[in-house]
Amino acid sequence: MTTLNNTNTYPAKTMIKRYLIPLLLPLLSVGQNVFAQDRTITLGEALKLGVANSNVVKLSKAKIDQAISQYEQAKDSGLPTGKASFTYDRAQIPANKLDFGSETIGLPKDANAYLGIASVDEVIFGGNKLKYAEQSTQLLAEAARVDAENDKDGVAYDIINQFYNLYKVLQSIKVVQQNLATIDGQIKQSQRFFDQGIVTKNDVLRFQLQRANIELNGIDLETNRKIVNFNLNVLLGLPDNTQLNIDVINEADRPIDPASNYIDTALVQRAELRSLDIRSKVAETNIKTVSANVLPSVVASGAAYYIDTRINPLPGSGSYILPITIGVGINWNFSTLWTNKNKVTEARIQLDEVELNHAITINNIRREVNQDYQNYAMARDKIKLLQTSIDQATENNNILGSKYKSNVASATDKADAQTLLYQAQINLELAKADAGLAYYTLLKSTGKLNK
């Protein structure tokens, strides 16, 4: 029975391999294309897409709109104010007589009263508080725009960072694939030499072990690729299953200026400093606003009153009066002469804090720019050294390859030479990507990332 079962099983397995699997493979391929999308993207496209879809940028835009709205509200505060009211009152007077000795005053048992009031007030002089309020809110709107630029720079840099991280991983994967192809050729060659009795089995195992180590590195890289790819999809607003590819980035040998040039540029371009400059002006305006509390205010007003005592609220001849008043009033809370000084002191302290923060930020920016400058200069130097290392590792690998074929060098020497070349290739690709990211980091620290 056992033999019969095994005999029946083999033809079934053969049919599955020959007919069913070839039919399923195209379907599986179509299914993968449905759930995963490949997209090759450039850095410029990534920046444009990411900034357009960034919620951070949209939030910054909302803050700008809010600041503009507050500025418009401050302007509206300078417009005349007006109000109108109309009331009806009915009075019942049970006791309606008053005796004054020889005279008696009698009132009706009930009475109706209609009272309408319409008034308009205009501040002629309010200690310039309205003017200072407009200036302050206008400055805050400008600060919101500057902060939005800084937010946009942050979003752009996050995209650039993830873009180069993905590029580094993809390039490393390419090097792994190239080295796997090379090591496969060496395994075949060493196996052939072993069959001919030229090398030992240990030589073959040495290359196979090297291949296993390369494959392990490839697994780590593929995991990192999935993580970085997902993060970049989130930043760009793309579907999570989009598989991003990056063409070769030509990192030209960009000229580098003295560090002092980049520092000077940063002190002019950095959004943080421009924002602090604006907030310093806001603090100065706040001092003027608080100081204006000791000044009097002058208000012009006009009002009209409609008074009617008939039960019919509609105006009738001789049944109502219509007083109209126009006047100018002066109000002065002179107690502010001795109660306002501490408020002015607090406002001046706030200005001092802004100026101190400005000085601290300048020093931090100078240190940041210098560090980014040195990192970029170091990255450029690394590329030159690593290119020399690759040339040397390539020559060494070729020499040992020839010696190995001539059975002069051991398999260990050949494997070590290939490993050195493999590592040098990876290091060069990573150094190129690091140099590109260091360049954009320097641009960000000088305030010119999006300019």
Protein backbone atom coordinates (compact mmCIF):
# COMPACT_ATOMS: atom_id res chain seq x y z
CA MET A 1 0.00 0.00 0.00
CA THR A 2 2.80 2.39 0.83
CA THR A 3 4.55 1.77 -2.45
CA LEU A 4 1.30 2.29 -4.34
CA ASN A 5 0.66 5.63 -2.61
CA ASN A 6 4.15 6.90 -3.38
CA THR A 7 3.81 5.81 -6.98
CA ASN A 8 0.58 7.81 -7.35
CA THR A 9 2.03 10.87 -5.65
CA TYR A 10 4.99 11.48 -7.99
CA PRO A 11 2.96 12.02 -11.18
CA ALA A 12 0.74 14.48 -9.31
CA LYS A 13 3.76 16.48 -8.15
CA THR A 14 5.16 16.46 -11.66
CA MET A 15 1.91 17.78 -13.10
CA ILE A 16 1.82 20.58 -10.52
CA LYS A 17 5.37 21.65 -11.36
CA ARG A 18 4.88 21.46 -15.12
CA TYR A 19 1.39 22.90 -15.58
CA LEU A 20 -0.11 24.46 -12.46
CA ILE A 21 2.87 26.55 -11.23
CA PRO A 22 3.50 28.18 -14.66
CA LEU A 23 -0.17 29.17 -14.69
CA LEU A 24 -0.08 30.61 -11.16
CA LEU A 25 3.13 32.62 -11.52
CA PRO A 26 1.63 35.24 -13.89
CA LEU A 27 -1.37 35.58 -11.59
CA LEU A 28 0.89 36.12 -8.60
CA SER A 29 2.84 38.69 -10.57
CA VAL A 30 -0.36 40.55 -11.45
CA GLY A 31 -1.44 40.46 -7.81
CA GLN A 32 1.86 41.94 -6.70
CA ASN A 33 1.51 44.74 -9.24
CA VAL A 34 -1.95 45.51 -7.91
CA PHE A 35 -0.77 45.81 -4.33
CA ALA A 36 2.64 47.37 -4.97
CA GLN A 37 3.55 50.27 -7.21
CA ASP A 38 7.05 51.03 -8.44
CA ARG A 39 7.99 54.67 -8.86
CA THR A 40 11.31 56.22 -9.77
CA ILE A 41 11.60 59.67 -8.25
CA THR A 42 14.12 62.50 -8.30
CA LEU A 43 14.99 64.73 -5.38
CA GLY A 44 13.25 67.71 -7.00
CA GLU A 45 10.05 65.71 -7.50
CA ALA A 46 10.21 64.44 -3.93
CA LEU A 47 10.58 67.96 -2.53
CA LYS A 48 7.73 69.33 -4.64
CA LEU A 49 5.43 66.45 -3.73
CA GLY A 50 6.34 66.40 -0.05
CA VAL A 51 5.92 70.14 0.51
CA ALA A 52 2.58 70.11 -1.32
CA ASN A 53 1.23 67.26 0.83
CA SER A 54 2.81 68.24 4.15
CA ASN A 55 0.38 68.81 6.99
CA VAL A 56 3.08 70.84 8.74
CA VAL A 57 3.18 73.29 5.83
CA LYS A 58 -0.62 73.43 5.75
CA LEU A 59 -0.69 74.15 9.48
CA SER A 60 1.83 76.96 8.97
CA LYS A 61 -0.42 78.41 6.27
CA ALA A 62 -3.36 78.30 8.70
CA LYS A 63 -1.28 80.18 11.30
CA ILE A 64 -0.50 82.85 8.70
CA ASP A 65 -4.20 83.18 7.87
CA GLN A 66 -4.99 83.48 11.57
CA ALA A 67 -2.37 86.21 12.04
CA ILE A 68 -3.73 88.12 9.04
CA SER A 69 -7.25 87.82 10.46
CA GLN A 70 -6.06 89.23 13.78
CA TYR A 71 -4.44 92.14 11.95
CA GLU A 72 -7.70 92.87 10.14
CA GLN A 73 -9.54 92.73 13.47
CA ALA A 74 -7.09 95.26 14.91
CA LYS A 75 -7.80 97.56 11.97
CA ASP A 76 -11.54 97.13 12.56
CA SER A 77 -11.04 98.37 16.12
CA GLY A 78 -10.37 101.84 14.70
CA LEU A 79 -13.79 102.06 13.03
CA PRO A 80 -16.70 103.94 14.64
CA THR A 81 -18.91 101.90 16.95
CA GLY A 82 -22.68 102.16 16.80
CA LYS A 83 -25.61 100.60 18.56
CA ALA A 84 -29.37 100.92 18.64
CA SER A 85 -32.08 99.77 21.03
CA PHE A 86 -35.87 100.04 21.34
CA THR A 87 -37.82 99.19 24.50
CA TYR A 88 -41.40 99.27 25.66
CA ASP A 89 -42.45 99.72 29.29
CA ARG A 90 -45.93 99.76 30.85
CA ALA A 91 -46.46 101.14 34.34
CA GLN A 92 -49.42 100.58 36.67
CA ILE A 93 -49.79 103.33 39.33
CA PRO A 94 -52.31 102.30 42.03
CA ALA A 95 -51.36 105.24 44.29
CA ASN A 96 -51.33 108.11 41.86
CA LYS A 97 -51.66 111.24 43.99
CA LEU A 98 -49.08 113.35 45.81
CA ASP A 99 -50.06 116.06 48.26
CA PHE A 100 -47.82 119.10 48.66
CA GLY A 101 -49.73 121.16 51.18
CA SER A 102 -52.12 123.23 49.19
CA GLU A 103 -51.25 121.48 45.95
CA THR A 104 -51.95 117.96 44.80
CA ILE A 105 -50.35 116.25 41.86
CA GLY A 106 -52.33 113.50 40.21
CA LEU A 107 -50.93 110.81 37.93
CA PRO A 108 -52.79 108.44 35.67
CA LYS A 109 -53.63 104.94 36.82
CA ASP A 110 -51.35 103.48 34.11
CA ALA A 111 -48.88 104.68 31.50
CA ASN A 112 -47.03 103.37 28.41
CA ALA A 113 -43.51 104.33 27.39
CA TYR A 114 -41.61 103.63 24.19
CA LEU A 115 -37.90 104.46 24.20
CA GLY A 116 -35.62 104.19 21.18
CA ILE A 117 -31.91 105.04 21.29
CA ALA A 118 -29.35 105.10 18.44
CA SER A 119 -25.77 106.20 19.09
CA VAL A 120 -22.43 106.37 17.27
CA ASP A 121 -19.02 106.77 18.97
CA GLU A 122 -15.71 107.59 17.34
CA VAL A 123 -12.38 107.57 19.18
CA ILE A 124 -10.54 110.71 18.15
CA PHE A 125 -7.49 110.04 20.31
CA GLY A 126 -6.90 106.94 22.41
CA GLY A 127 -3.27 107.35 23.33
CA ASN A 128 -2.30 105.81 19.96
CA LYS A 129 -3.27 102.39 21.31
CA LEU A 130 -5.15 101.48 18.14
CA LYS A 131 -2.17 102.41 15.99
CA TYR A 132 0.17 100.34 18.15
CA ALA A 133 -2.27 97.41 18.08
CA GLU A 134 -2.28 97.49 14.28
CA GLN A 135 1.52 97.65 14.16
CA SER A 136 1.87 94.77 16.61
CA THR A 137 -0.54 92.43 14.81
CA GLN A 138 1.01 93.30 11.46
CA LEU A 139 4.44 92.38 12.82
CA LEU A 140 3.05 89.12 14.22
CA ALA A 141 1.65 88.29 10.78
CA GLU A 142 5.13 88.82 9.31
CA ALA A 143 6.59 86.60 12.05
CA ALA A 144 4.08 83.88 11.14
CA ARG A 145 5.27 84.02 7.53
CA VAL A 146 8.89 83.70 8.62
CA ASP A 147 8.02 80.79 10.93
CA ALA A 148 6.25 79.15 7.98
CA GLU A 149 9.47 79.40 5.97
CA ASN A 150 11.33 77.71 8.79
CA ASP A 151 8.71 74.95 8.97
CA LYS A 152 8.98 74.47 5.21
CA ASP A 153 12.76 74.15 5.51
CA GLY A 154 12.30 71.52 8.20
CA VAL A 155 9.92 69.52 6.02
CA ALA A 156 12.23 69.79 3.02
CA TYR A 157 15.23 68.64 5.04
CA ASP A 158 13.34 65.63 6.42
CA ILE A 159 12.52 64.64 2.84
CA ILE A 160 16.13 65.12 1.71
CA ASN A 161 17.38 63.10 4.67
CA GLN A 162 15.07 60.15 3.96
CA PHE A 163 15.75 60.44 0.21
CA TYR A 164 19.50 60.06 0.72
CA ASN A 165 19.01 57.31 3.29
CA LEU A 166 17.01 55.36 0.71
CA TYR A 167 19.64 56.07 -1.94
CA LYS A 168 22.37 54.76 0.39
CA VAL A 169 20.43 51.56 1.05
CA LEU A 170 19.63 51.01 -2.64
CA GLN A 171 23.26 51.54 -3.65
CA SER A 172 24.43 49.17 -0.96
CA ILE A 173 21.94 46.56 -2.22
CA LYS A 174 23.33 46.96 -5.75
CA VAL A 175 26.85 46.37 -4.45
CA VAL A 176 25.62 43.26 -2.61
CA GLN A 177 24.01 41.95 -5.80
CA GLN A 178 27.19 42.60 -7.78
CA ASN A 179 29.32 40.86 -5.22
CA LEU A 180 26.95 37.90 -5.06
CA ALA A 181 27.30 37.50 -8.80
CA THR A 182 31.08 37.69 -8.47
CA ILE A 183 31.27 35.24 -5.60
CA ASP A 184 29.00 32.80 -7.47
CA GLY A 185 31.53 32.80 -10.29
CA GLN A 186 34.33 32.17 -7.83
CA ILE A 187 32.39 29.32 -6.22
CA LYS A 188 31.92 27.66 -9.61
CA GLN A 189 35.60 28.14 -10.41
CA SER A 190 36.76 26.82 -7.03
CA GLN A 191 34.42 23.83 -7.40
CA ARG A 192 35.94 23.12 -10.78
CA PHE A 193 39.45 23.37 -9.30
CA PHE A 194 38.38 21.05 -6.49
CA ASP A 195 37.07 18.52 -8.98
CA GLN A 196 40.46 18.73 -10.72
CA GLY A 197 42.28 18.26 -7.41
CA ILE A 198 43.92 21.69 -7.57
CA VAL A 199 42.32 23.10 -4.39
CA THR A 200 40.89 21.57 -1.24
CA LYS A 201 37.26 21.37 -0.13
CA ASN A 202 38.05 24.00 2.47
CA ASP A 203 38.74 26.51 -0.31
CA VAL A 204 35.29 25.94 -1.74
CA LEU A 205 33.69 26.26 1.69
CA ARG A 206 35.55 29.53 2.22
CA PHE A 207 33.82 31.13 -0.77
CA GLN A 208 30.46 29.65 0.23
CA LEU A 209 30.82 31.12 3.72
CA GLN A 210 31.68 34.49 2.23
CA ARG A 211 28.53 34.31 0.10
CA ALA A 212 26.42 33.53 3.18
CA ASN A 213 27.84 36.57 4.97
CA ILE A 214 27.03 38.77 1.98
CA GLU A 215 23.48 37.39 1.91
CA LEU A 216 23.05 38.21 5.61
CA ASN A 217 24.14 41.75 4.91
CA GLY A 218 21.62 41.85 2.08
CA ILE A 219 18.80 40.80 4.43
CA ASP A 220 19.66 43.66 6.81
CA LEU A 221 19.76 46.12 3.92
CA GLU A 222 16.39 44.97 2.59
CA THR A 223 14.83 45.46 6.03
CA ASN A 224 16.29 48.96 6.21
CA ARG A 225 15.03 49.68 2.69
CA LYS A 226 11.48 48.79 3.66
CA ILE A 227 11.63 51.05 6.72
CA VAL A 228 13.11 54.04 4.89
CA ASN A 229 10.82 53.51 1.90
CA PHE A 230 7.76 53.57 4.18
CA ASN A 231 8.95 56.71 5.98
CA LEU A 232 9.52 58.50 2.69
CA ASN A 233 6.08 57.47 1.42
CA VAL A 234 4.56 59.04 4.53
CA LEU A 235 6.48 62.28 3.99
CA LEU A 236 5.49 62.45 0.31
CA GLY A 237 1.86 61.51 0.87
CA LEU A 238 2.16 58.40 -1.32
CA PRO A 239 0.44 55.04 -0.74
CA ASP A 240 2.29 52.91 1.80
CA ASN A 241 2.88 50.13 -0.74
CA THR A 242 4.70 52.36 -3.26
CA GLN A 243 8.17 50.97 -3.96
CA LEU A 244 10.44 53.96 -4.56
CA ASN A 245 13.47 53.81 -6.79
CA ILE A 246 16.14 56.49 -7.14
CA ASP A 247 18.29 57.01 -10.20
CA VAL A 248 22.01 57.49 -9.75
CA ILE A 249 22.65 60.83 -8.09
CA ASN A 250 25.44 62.72 -9.76
CA GLU A 251 27.07 64.47 -6.85
CA ALA A 252 29.27 66.96 -8.67
CA ASP A 253 32.36 68.28 -6.94
CA ARG A 254 30.73 71.49 -5.82
CA PRO A 255 33.08 74.38 -5.05
CA ILE A 256 33.35 75.19 -1.38
CA ASP A 257 33.82 78.74 -0.07
CA PRO A 258 35.50 79.76 3.17
CA ALA A 259 33.50 78.99 6.32
CA SER A 260 33.13 82.70 7.11
CA ASN A 261 31.07 83.18 3.91
CA TYR A 262 28.53 80.59 5.02
CA ILE A 263 28.35 82.06 8.52
CA ASP A 264 27.72 85.56 7.14
CA THR A 265 25.00 84.20 4.87
CA ALA A 266 23.33 82.39 7.77
CA LEU A 267 23.24 85.54 9.89
CA VAL A 268 21.24 87.21 7.12
CA GLN A 269 19.10 84.33 5.84
CA ARG A 270 18.22 82.23 8.88
CA ALA A 271 14.51 82.39 9.61
CA GLU A 272 15.03 82.21 13.37
CA LEU A 273 16.99 85.48 13.40
CA ARG A 274 14.51 87.24 11.14
CA SER A 275 11.67 86.05 13.39
CA LEU A 276 13.49 87.34 16.48
CA ASP A 277 14.07 90.69 14.77
CA ILE A 278 10.35 90.98 14.18
CA ARG A 279 9.50 89.93 17.72
CA SER A 280 11.93 92.54 19.02
CA LYS A 281 9.91 95.17 17.15
CA VAL A 282 6.73 93.69 18.64
CA ALA A 283 8.24 94.05 22.13
CA GLU A 284 9.16 97.67 21.39
CA THR A 285 5.61 98.33 20.22
CA ASN A 286 4.29 96.69 23.38
CA ILE A 287 6.31 99.17 25.47
CA LYS A 288 4.68 102.04 23.59
CA THR A 289 1.24 100.50 24.08
CA VAL A 290 1.72 100.09 27.83
CA SER A 291 3.18 103.61 28.13
CA ALA A 292 0.10 105.00 26.38
CA ASN A 293 -2.06 103.95 29.33
CA VAL A 294 -1.21 107.24 31.11
CA LEU A 295 -2.63 109.36 28.29
CA PRO A 296 -6.23 110.59 28.16
CA SER A 297 -8.68 109.53 25.48
CA VAL A 298 -10.95 111.76 23.42
CA VAL A 299 -14.21 110.33 22.07
CA ALA A 300 -16.78 111.99 19.81
CA SER A 301 -20.31 110.72 20.09
CA GLY A 302 -23.73 111.31 18.62
CA ALA A 303 -27.09 109.94 19.77
CA ALA A 304 -30.79 110.21 18.97
CA TYR A 305 -33.60 109.37 21.40
CA TYR A 306 -37.19 108.59 20.52
CA ILE A 307 -39.65 108.83 23.44
CA ASP A 308 -43.35 108.14 23.01
CA THR A 309 -45.95 107.65 25.75
CA ARG A 310 -48.92 106.57 23.61
CA ILE A 311 -50.06 103.00 23.41
CA ASN A 312 -49.55 103.16 19.66
CA PRO A 313 -45.80 102.92 19.06
CA LEU A 314 -46.06 104.62 15.67
CA PRO A 315 -45.06 108.29 15.81
CA GLY A 316 -47.97 110.73 15.94
CA SER A 317 -47.93 114.48 15.87
CA GLY A 318 -47.38 115.92 19.32
CA SER A 319 -47.15 112.51 21.00
CA TYR A 320 -43.39 112.00 21.08
CA ILE A 321 -40.12 113.82 21.50
CA LEU A 322 -36.85 113.24 19.58
CA PRO A 323 -33.77 114.63 21.35
CA ILE A 324 -30.53 114.51 19.32
CA THR A 325 -27.18 114.99 21.03
CA ILE A 326 -23.66 115.53 19.67
CA GLY A 327 -20.69 115.80 21.96
CA VAL A 328 -17.02 115.26 22.66
CA GLY A 329 -15.81 113.60 25.83
CA ILE A 330 -12.39 113.42 27.46
CA ASN A 331 -11.53 110.57 29.79
CA TRP A 332 -8.35 110.39 31.83
CA ASN A 333 -7.54 107.78 34.40
CA PHE A 334 -4.72 109.76 36.01
CA SER A 335 -4.07 107.04 38.57
CA THR A 336 -2.06 105.29 35.83
CA LEU A 337 0.62 107.90 36.43
CA TRP A 338 1.72 105.87 39.48
CA THR A 339 0.22 102.41 38.72
CA ASN A 340 1.57 101.95 35.19
CA LYS A 341 5.30 102.18 35.75
CA ASN A 342 5.75 98.54 36.75
CA LYS A 343 3.86 97.43 33.65
CA VAL A 344 6.28 99.44 31.53
CA THR A 345 9.19 97.82 33.39
CA GLU A 346 7.81 94.35 32.62
CA ALA A 347 7.45 95.27 28.95
CA ARG A 348 11.09 96.43 28.86
CA ILE A 349 12.21 93.17 30.49
CA GLN A 350 10.39 91.24 27.74
CA LEU A 351 12.33 93.25 25.14
CA ASP A 352 15.60 92.47 26.93
CA GLU A 353 14.73 88.75 26.88
CA VAL A 354 14.12 88.85 23.14
CA GLU A 355 17.44 90.60 22.55
CA LEU A 356 19.32 88.12 24.76
CA ASN A 357 17.66 85.23 22.95
CA HIS A 358 18.74 86.85 19.69
CA ALA A 359 22.38 86.93 20.85
CA ILE A 360 22.20 83.29 22.01
CA THR A 361 20.69 82.21 18.69
CA ILE A 362 23.47 83.96 16.76
CA ASN A 363 26.15 82.01 18.66
CA ASN A 364 24.27 78.74 18.18
CA ILE A 365 23.93 79.38 14.45
CA ARG A 366 27.61 80.22 14.08
CA ARG A 367 28.56 76.95 15.77
CA GLU A 368 26.01 74.98 13.73
CA VAL A 369 27.18 76.40 10.40
CA ASN A 370 30.84 75.79 11.21
CA GLN A 371 30.12 72.18 12.22
CA ASP A 372 28.10 71.51 9.06
CA TYR A 373 30.83 73.15 6.98
CA GLN A 374 33.52 70.92 8.50
CA ASN A 375 31.34 67.82 8.02
CA TYR A 376 30.85 68.64 4.34
CA ALA A 377 34.56 69.31 3.82
CA MET A 378 35.35 65.99 5.56
CA ALA A 379 32.81 64.14 3.38
CA ARG A 380 34.46 65.52 0.23
CA ASP A 381 37.88 64.39 1.44
CA LYS A 382 36.52 60.94 2.27
CA ILE A 383 35.29 60.47 -1.30
CA LYS A 384 38.76 61.19 -2.68
CA LEU A 385 40.41 58.79 -0.25
CA LEU A 386 37.84 56.05 -0.81
CA GLN A 387 38.19 56.33 -4.58
CA THR A 388 41.92 55.73 -4.12
CA SER A 389 41.11 52.78 -1.84
CA ILE A 390 38.86 51.25 -4.50
CA ASP A 391 41.57 51.59 -7.12
CA GLN A 392 44.01 49.88 -4.78
CA ALA A 393 41.52 47.18 -3.72
CA THR A 394 40.62 46.50 -7.37
CA GLU A 395 44.24 46.11 -8.35
CA ASN A 396 44.92 43.88 -5.34
CA ASN A 397 41.88 41.73 -6.15
CA ASN A 398 42.95 41.36 -9.78
CA ILE A 399 46.49 40.36 -8.79
CA LEU A 400 45.30 37.80 -6.27
CA GLY A 401 42.72 36.54 -8.76
CA SER A 402 45.46 35.85 -11.27
CA LYS A 403 47.62 34.22 -8.60
CA TYR A 404 44.69 32.08 -7.44
CA LYS A 405 44.07 30.89 -10.99
CA SER A 406 47.73 30.02 -11.22
CA ASN A 407 47.46 28.26 -7.84
CA VAL A 408 50.01 30.66 -6.34
CA ALA A 409 47.60 32.36 -3.88
CA SER A 410 45.25 30.57 -1.52
CA ALA A 411 41.47 30.77 -1.55
CA THR A 412 41.67 32.65 1.75
CA ASP A 413 43.82 35.37 0.19
CA LYS A 414 41.42 35.63 -2.77
CA ALA A 415 38.36 35.81 -0.52
CA ASP A 416 39.96 38.48 1.67
CA ALA A 417 40.84 40.55 -1.39
CA GLN A 418 37.28 40.32 -2.68
CA THR A 419 35.94 41.29 0.76
CA LEU A 420 38.18 44.36 0.86
CA LEU A 421 36.99 45.44 -2.59
CA TYR A 422 33.38 44.79 -1.62
CA GLN A 423 33.72 46.88 1.54
CA ALA A 424 35.47 49.70 -0.33
CA GLN A 425 32.69 49.83 -2.90
CA ILE A 426 30.04 50.09 -0.19
CA ASN A 427 32.01 52.74 1.67
CA LEU A 428 32.36 54.86 -1.46
CA GLU A 429 28.65 54.79 -2.25
CA LEU A 430 27.81 55.65 1.33
CA ALA A 431 30.37 58.45 1.33
CA LYS A 432 28.86 59.95 -1.83
CA ALA A 433 25.43 59.94 -0.26
CA ASP A 434 26.81 61.34 2.99
CA ALA A 435 28.48 64.15 1.03
CA GLY A 436 25.22 64.99 -0.71
CA LEU A 437 23.31 65.05 2.56
CA ALA A 438 26.08 67.09 4.22
CA TYR A 439 25.81 69.65 1.41
CA TYR A 440 22.07 70.08 1.93
CA THR A 441 22.60 70.19 5.69
CA LEU A 442 24.99 73.10 5.13
CA LEU A 443 22.40 74.80 2.92
CA LYS A 444 19.79 74.37 5.67
CA SER A 445 22.06 75.82 8.35
CA THR A 446 22.76 78.85 6.14
CA GLY A 447 19.04 79.39 5.53
CA LYS A 448 19.19 78.75 1.78
CA LEU A 449 17.65 75.29 1.51
CA ASN A 450 14.50 76.47 -0.29
CA LYS A 451 16.05 79.48 -2.02
